[in-house]
Amino acid sequence: MSERKKRKSNLSTVGESINELLQVYRIQNKFDATRITSSWENLMGTPIAKRTKRVFIKDRKLFVELSSAPLKHELNLSKRMILDIFDKEFGRKVLDDIIFI
C-alpha cells in the first residue's frame, strides 16, 4: 500500500506538467502573450474587436491599436477594469499596463 501512495504523490495534472515545461524552456511569456492577444475579441466583445486594428504585447504591456477615437477614450477610462478582466481570465497578473494607440 505504501508503494501505491508513493506513486500517487508523484502524479501531476496535465496543466501542471505543461506549466513546468513552459518554465523549463523559458517560453511562458511568449505563450502568455499569444493567449492574451488571441483572447482579446472573446474578452472584450465583437463591437470592440471590430474597431481593433492590431493587438500586441511588449514588456508585459498590451498595445491595442483602435480605429475609433471615442472608443480609445472610453477604454482608457476603463483600463483598470480591463486589466482585472485579464487577471481573472488567466488566474494571475499577466499584464502591467494597456496602451491604446
N, C-alpha and C. Protein backbone atom coordinates (compact mmCIF):
# COMPACT_ATOMS: atom_id res chain seq x y z
N MET A 1 0.82 -1.19 0.00
CA MET A 1 0.00 0.00 0.00
C MET A 1 0.86 1.25 0.00
N SER A 2 1.99 1.25 0.66
CA SER A 2 2.86 2.42 0.68
C SER A 2 3.40 2.72 -0.73
N GLU A 3 3.59 1.69 -1.54
CA GLU A 3 4.03 1.86 -2.93
C GLU A 3 2.97 2.63 -3.72
N ARG A 4 1.71 2.29 -3.50
CA ARG A 4 0.61 2.94 -4.21
C ARG A 4 0.50 4.42 -3.81
N LYS A 5 0.63 4.74 -2.53
CA LYS A 5 0.59 6.13 -2.06
C LYS A 5 1.75 6.92 -2.65
N LYS A 6 2.91 6.29 -2.71
CA LYS A 6 4.09 6.97 -3.24
C LYS A 6 3.87 7.35 -4.70
N ARG A 7 3.29 6.47 -5.49
CA ARG A 7 3.03 6.75 -6.90
C ARG A 7 2.07 7.93 -7.06
N LYS A 8 1.01 7.93 -6.26
CA LYS A 8 0.01 9.00 -6.37
C LYS A 8 0.62 10.35 -6.03
N SER A 9 1.54 10.40 -5.10
CA SER A 9 2.14 11.68 -4.74
C SER A 9 3.06 12.21 -5.84
N ASN A 10 3.54 11.35 -6.71
CA ASN A 10 4.40 11.77 -7.80
C ASN A 10 3.62 12.18 -9.05
N LEU A 11 2.32 11.99 -9.04
CA LEU A 11 1.49 12.34 -10.19
C LEU A 11 1.23 13.84 -10.20
N SER A 12 1.11 14.39 -11.40
CA SER A 12 0.74 15.80 -11.53
C SER A 12 -0.30 15.92 -12.63
N THR A 13 -1.03 17.01 -12.62
CA THR A 13 -2.04 17.21 -13.64
C THR A 13 -1.37 17.59 -14.95
N VAL A 14 -2.12 17.50 -16.01
CA VAL A 14 -1.60 17.89 -17.33
C VAL A 14 -1.24 19.37 -17.31
N GLY A 15 -2.10 20.18 -16.70
CA GLY A 15 -1.83 21.62 -16.61
C GLY A 15 -0.54 21.94 -15.88
N GLU A 16 -0.30 21.24 -14.77
CA GLU A 16 0.94 21.44 -14.02
C GLU A 16 2.15 21.04 -14.85
N SER A 17 2.02 19.95 -15.58
CA SER A 17 3.12 19.48 -16.43
C SER A 17 3.42 20.47 -17.54
N ILE A 18 2.37 21.00 -18.16
CA ILE A 18 2.57 21.99 -19.24
C ILE A 18 3.22 23.25 -18.68
N ASN A 19 2.74 23.73 -17.54
CA ASN A 19 3.34 24.93 -16.94
C ASN A 19 4.81 24.71 -16.61
N GLU A 20 5.13 23.51 -16.12
CA GLU A 20 6.53 23.20 -15.81
C GLU A 20 7.38 23.22 -17.08
N LEU A 21 6.87 22.65 -18.16
CA LEU A 21 7.60 22.66 -19.43
C LEU A 21 7.81 24.08 -19.95
N LEU A 22 6.77 24.92 -19.86
CA LEU A 22 6.88 26.30 -20.32
C LEU A 22 7.95 27.05 -19.54
N GLN A 23 8.06 26.77 -18.26
CA GLN A 23 9.07 27.43 -17.44
C GLN A 23 10.47 26.87 -17.72
N VAL A 24 10.57 25.56 -17.89
CA VAL A 24 11.86 24.94 -18.16
C VAL A 24 12.44 25.47 -19.48
N TYR A 25 11.59 25.57 -20.51
CA TYR A 25 12.05 26.04 -21.81
C TYR A 25 12.00 27.56 -21.94
N ARG A 26 11.63 28.25 -20.86
CA ARG A 26 11.59 29.71 -20.80
C ARG A 26 10.73 30.33 -21.89
N ILE A 27 9.57 29.75 -22.11
CA ILE A 27 8.66 30.28 -23.12
C ILE A 27 7.30 30.67 -22.53
N GLN A 28 7.24 30.74 -21.21
CA GLN A 28 5.98 31.11 -20.55
C GLN A 28 5.49 32.47 -21.02
N ASN A 29 6.37 33.46 -21.11
CA ASN A 29 5.95 34.81 -21.51
C ASN A 29 5.42 34.84 -22.94
N LYS A 30 6.06 34.12 -23.84
CA LYS A 30 5.59 34.08 -25.23
C LYS A 30 4.25 33.36 -25.32
N PHE A 31 4.11 32.30 -24.55
CA PHE A 31 2.85 31.56 -24.52
C PHE A 31 1.74 32.46 -23.99
N ASP A 32 2.00 33.18 -22.90
CA ASP A 32 1.02 34.10 -22.34
C ASP A 32 0.65 35.19 -23.35
N ALA A 33 1.65 35.75 -24.02
CA ALA A 33 1.40 36.82 -24.99
C ALA A 33 0.48 36.33 -26.11
N THR A 34 0.71 35.14 -26.58
CA THR A 34 -0.13 34.57 -27.64
C THR A 34 -1.55 34.36 -27.14
N ARG A 35 -1.69 33.84 -25.95
CA ARG A 35 -3.03 33.62 -25.38
C ARG A 35 -3.76 34.94 -25.15
N ILE A 36 -3.06 35.95 -24.67
CA ILE A 36 -3.67 37.24 -24.38
C ILE A 36 -4.17 37.89 -25.67
N THR A 37 -3.31 37.96 -26.68
CA THR A 37 -3.72 38.62 -27.92
C THR A 37 -4.84 37.86 -28.62
N SER A 38 -4.80 36.54 -28.56
CA SER A 38 -5.85 35.77 -29.22
C SER A 38 -7.17 35.81 -28.45
N SER A 39 -7.13 36.17 -27.17
CA SER A 39 -8.37 36.22 -26.39
C SER A 39 -8.98 37.62 -26.35
N TRP A 40 -8.37 38.60 -27.01
CA TRP A 40 -8.87 39.98 -26.99
C TRP A 40 -10.34 40.05 -27.41
N GLU A 41 -10.69 39.47 -28.56
CA GLU A 41 -12.06 39.53 -29.05
C GLU A 41 -13.03 38.84 -28.09
N ASN A 42 -12.65 37.69 -27.61
CA ASN A 42 -13.51 36.93 -26.71
C ASN A 42 -13.78 37.70 -25.41
N LEU A 43 -12.75 38.32 -24.85
CA LEU A 43 -12.91 39.02 -23.58
C LEU A 43 -13.54 40.40 -23.72
N MET A 44 -13.28 41.07 -24.82
CA MET A 44 -13.77 42.44 -24.97
C MET A 44 -15.06 42.54 -25.79
N GLY A 45 -15.37 41.51 -26.54
CA GLY A 45 -16.59 41.51 -27.32
C GLY A 45 -16.37 41.91 -28.77
N THR A 46 -17.31 41.52 -29.61
CA THR A 46 -17.22 41.76 -31.05
C THR A 46 -17.22 43.24 -31.43
N PRO A 47 -18.08 44.08 -30.83
CA PRO A 47 -18.07 45.50 -31.23
C PRO A 47 -16.70 46.17 -31.04
N ILE A 48 -16.02 45.86 -29.94
CA ILE A 48 -14.69 46.43 -29.72
C ILE A 48 -13.68 45.78 -30.65
N ALA A 49 -13.77 44.48 -30.83
CA ALA A 49 -12.83 43.76 -31.71
C ALA A 49 -12.92 44.26 -33.15
N LYS A 50 -14.12 44.64 -33.60
CA LYS A 50 -14.28 45.14 -34.97
C LYS A 50 -13.57 46.48 -35.17
N ARG A 51 -13.39 47.21 -34.09
CA ARG A 51 -12.71 48.52 -34.17
C ARG A 51 -11.24 48.43 -33.76
N THR A 52 -10.77 47.21 -33.59
CA THR A 52 -9.37 46.96 -33.22
C THR A 52 -8.59 46.61 -34.47
N LYS A 53 -7.54 47.38 -34.73
CA LYS A 53 -6.70 47.13 -35.89
C LYS A 53 -5.60 46.12 -35.59
N ARG A 54 -5.00 46.26 -34.39
CA ARG A 54 -3.84 45.42 -34.07
C ARG A 54 -3.71 45.31 -32.56
N VAL A 55 -3.27 44.14 -32.10
CA VAL A 55 -3.03 43.89 -30.67
C VAL A 55 -1.68 43.19 -30.55
N PHE A 56 -0.80 43.73 -29.70
CA PHE A 56 0.48 43.08 -29.47
C PHE A 56 0.97 43.39 -28.06
N ILE A 57 1.94 42.61 -27.61
CA ILE A 57 2.48 42.77 -26.26
C ILE A 57 3.97 43.02 -26.35
N LYS A 58 4.42 43.97 -25.51
CA LYS A 58 5.85 44.24 -25.38
C LYS A 58 6.10 44.62 -23.93
N ASP A 59 7.02 43.94 -23.29
CA ASP A 59 7.39 44.20 -21.90
C ASP A 59 6.19 44.20 -20.96
N ARG A 60 5.35 43.17 -21.07
CA ARG A 60 4.16 42.99 -20.23
C ARG A 60 3.14 44.12 -20.36
N LYS A 61 3.22 44.86 -21.47
CA LYS A 61 2.24 45.90 -21.76
C LYS A 61 1.48 45.48 -23.01
N LEU A 62 0.16 45.57 -22.94
CA LEU A 62 -0.69 45.24 -24.08
C LEU A 62 -0.93 46.51 -24.87
N PHE A 63 -0.55 46.51 -26.14
CA PHE A 63 -0.77 47.64 -27.03
C PHE A 63 -1.95 47.30 -27.93
N VAL A 64 -2.93 48.19 -27.96
CA VAL A 64 -4.14 47.96 -28.75
C VAL A 64 -4.33 49.16 -29.66
N GLU A 65 -4.25 48.92 -30.97
CA GLU A 65 -4.47 49.97 -31.95
C GLU A 65 -5.94 49.95 -32.35
N LEU A 66 -6.59 51.09 -32.16
CA LEU A 66 -8.02 51.19 -32.42
C LEU A 66 -8.30 52.15 -33.58
N SER A 67 -9.41 51.92 -34.26
CA SER A 67 -9.79 52.78 -35.38
C SER A 67 -10.78 53.86 -34.97
N SER A 68 -11.17 53.89 -33.71
CA SER A 68 -12.17 54.83 -33.23
C SER A 68 -11.62 55.64 -32.06
N ALA A 69 -11.53 56.96 -32.24
CA ALA A 69 -11.03 57.84 -31.17
C ALA A 69 -11.95 57.83 -29.95
N PRO A 70 -13.27 57.89 -30.12
CA PRO A 70 -14.14 57.85 -28.93
C PRO A 70 -13.99 56.53 -28.15
N LEU A 71 -13.85 55.42 -28.85
CA LEU A 71 -13.66 54.13 -28.19
C LEU A 71 -12.33 54.12 -27.44
N LYS A 72 -11.30 54.68 -28.06
CA LYS A 72 -9.98 54.76 -27.42
C LYS A 72 -10.10 55.53 -26.09
N HIS A 73 -10.81 56.64 -26.11
CA HIS A 73 -11.00 57.44 -24.90
C HIS A 73 -11.77 56.64 -23.84
N GLU A 74 -12.84 55.99 -24.26
CA GLU A 74 -13.66 55.20 -23.33
C GLU A 74 -12.87 54.06 -22.70
N LEU A 75 -12.08 53.36 -23.51
CA LEU A 75 -11.28 52.25 -22.99
C LEU A 75 -10.17 52.74 -22.07
N ASN A 76 -9.61 53.91 -22.37
CA ASN A 76 -8.59 54.49 -21.49
C ASN A 76 -9.16 54.73 -20.09
N LEU A 77 -10.41 55.14 -20.04
CA LEU A 77 -11.06 55.37 -18.74
C LEU A 77 -11.33 54.06 -18.00
N SER A 78 -11.37 52.94 -18.74
CA SER A 78 -11.69 51.63 -18.16
C SER A 78 -10.49 50.70 -18.05
N LYS A 79 -9.29 51.25 -18.10
CA LYS A 79 -8.07 50.43 -18.09
C LYS A 79 -8.02 49.45 -16.93
N ARG A 80 -8.27 49.92 -15.72
CA ARG A 80 -8.17 49.07 -14.53
C ARG A 80 -9.14 47.90 -14.63
N MET A 81 -10.34 48.17 -15.10
CA MET A 81 -11.35 47.13 -15.24
C MET A 81 -10.91 46.09 -16.28
N ILE A 82 -10.33 46.55 -17.37
CA ILE A 82 -9.86 45.64 -18.43
C ILE A 82 -8.71 44.78 -17.91
N LEU A 83 -7.79 45.39 -17.18
CA LEU A 83 -6.69 44.62 -16.59
C LEU A 83 -7.23 43.56 -15.63
N ASP A 84 -8.25 43.91 -14.87
CA ASP A 84 -8.88 42.95 -13.96
C ASP A 84 -9.52 41.79 -14.71
N ILE A 85 -10.11 42.07 -15.86
CA ILE A 85 -10.72 41.02 -16.69
C ILE A 85 -9.64 40.01 -17.12
N PHE A 86 -8.50 40.52 -17.56
CA PHE A 86 -7.41 39.64 -17.99
C PHE A 86 -6.84 38.86 -16.80
N ASP A 87 -6.68 39.52 -15.66
CA ASP A 87 -6.18 38.83 -14.46
C ASP A 87 -7.11 37.69 -14.07
N LYS A 88 -8.39 37.96 -14.11
CA LYS A 88 -9.38 36.93 -13.74
C LYS A 88 -9.36 35.78 -14.74
N GLU A 89 -9.29 36.09 -16.01
CA GLU A 89 -9.28 35.07 -17.06
C GLU A 89 -8.06 34.15 -16.95
N PHE A 90 -6.89 34.73 -16.63
CA PHE A 90 -5.66 33.95 -16.60
C PHE A 90 -5.29 33.48 -15.20
N GLY A 91 -6.04 33.90 -14.20
CA GLY A 91 -5.81 33.44 -12.84
C GLY A 91 -4.59 34.03 -12.17
N ARG A 92 -4.00 35.03 -12.77
CA ARG A 92 -2.83 35.71 -12.21
C ARG A 92 -2.59 36.99 -12.99
N LYS A 93 -1.71 37.82 -12.48
CA LYS A 93 -1.40 39.09 -13.15
C LYS A 93 -0.50 38.80 -14.36
N VAL A 94 -1.04 39.06 -15.56
CA VAL A 94 -0.29 38.78 -16.78
C VAL A 94 0.13 40.06 -17.50
N LEU A 95 -0.49 41.18 -17.15
CA LEU A 95 -0.18 42.46 -17.80
C LEU A 95 0.10 43.53 -16.75
N ASP A 96 1.02 44.42 -17.07
CA ASP A 96 1.29 45.56 -16.18
C ASP A 96 0.49 46.79 -16.61
N ASP A 97 0.20 46.90 -17.91
CA ASP A 97 -0.48 48.09 -18.41
C ASP A 97 -1.11 47.80 -19.76
N ILE A 98 -2.02 48.67 -20.16
CA ILE A 98 -2.61 48.62 -21.51
C ILE A 98 -2.43 49.99 -22.11
N ILE A 99 -1.94 50.02 -23.33
CA ILE A 99 -1.72 51.27 -24.05
C ILE A 99 -2.61 51.25 -25.29
N PHE A 100 -3.50 52.22 -25.39
CA PHE A 100 -4.38 52.32 -26.55
C PHE A 100 -3.79 53.33 -27.52
N ILE A 101 -3.57 52.89 -28.75
CA ILE A 101 -2.95 53.75 -29.76
C ILE A 101 -3.87 53.91 -30.96
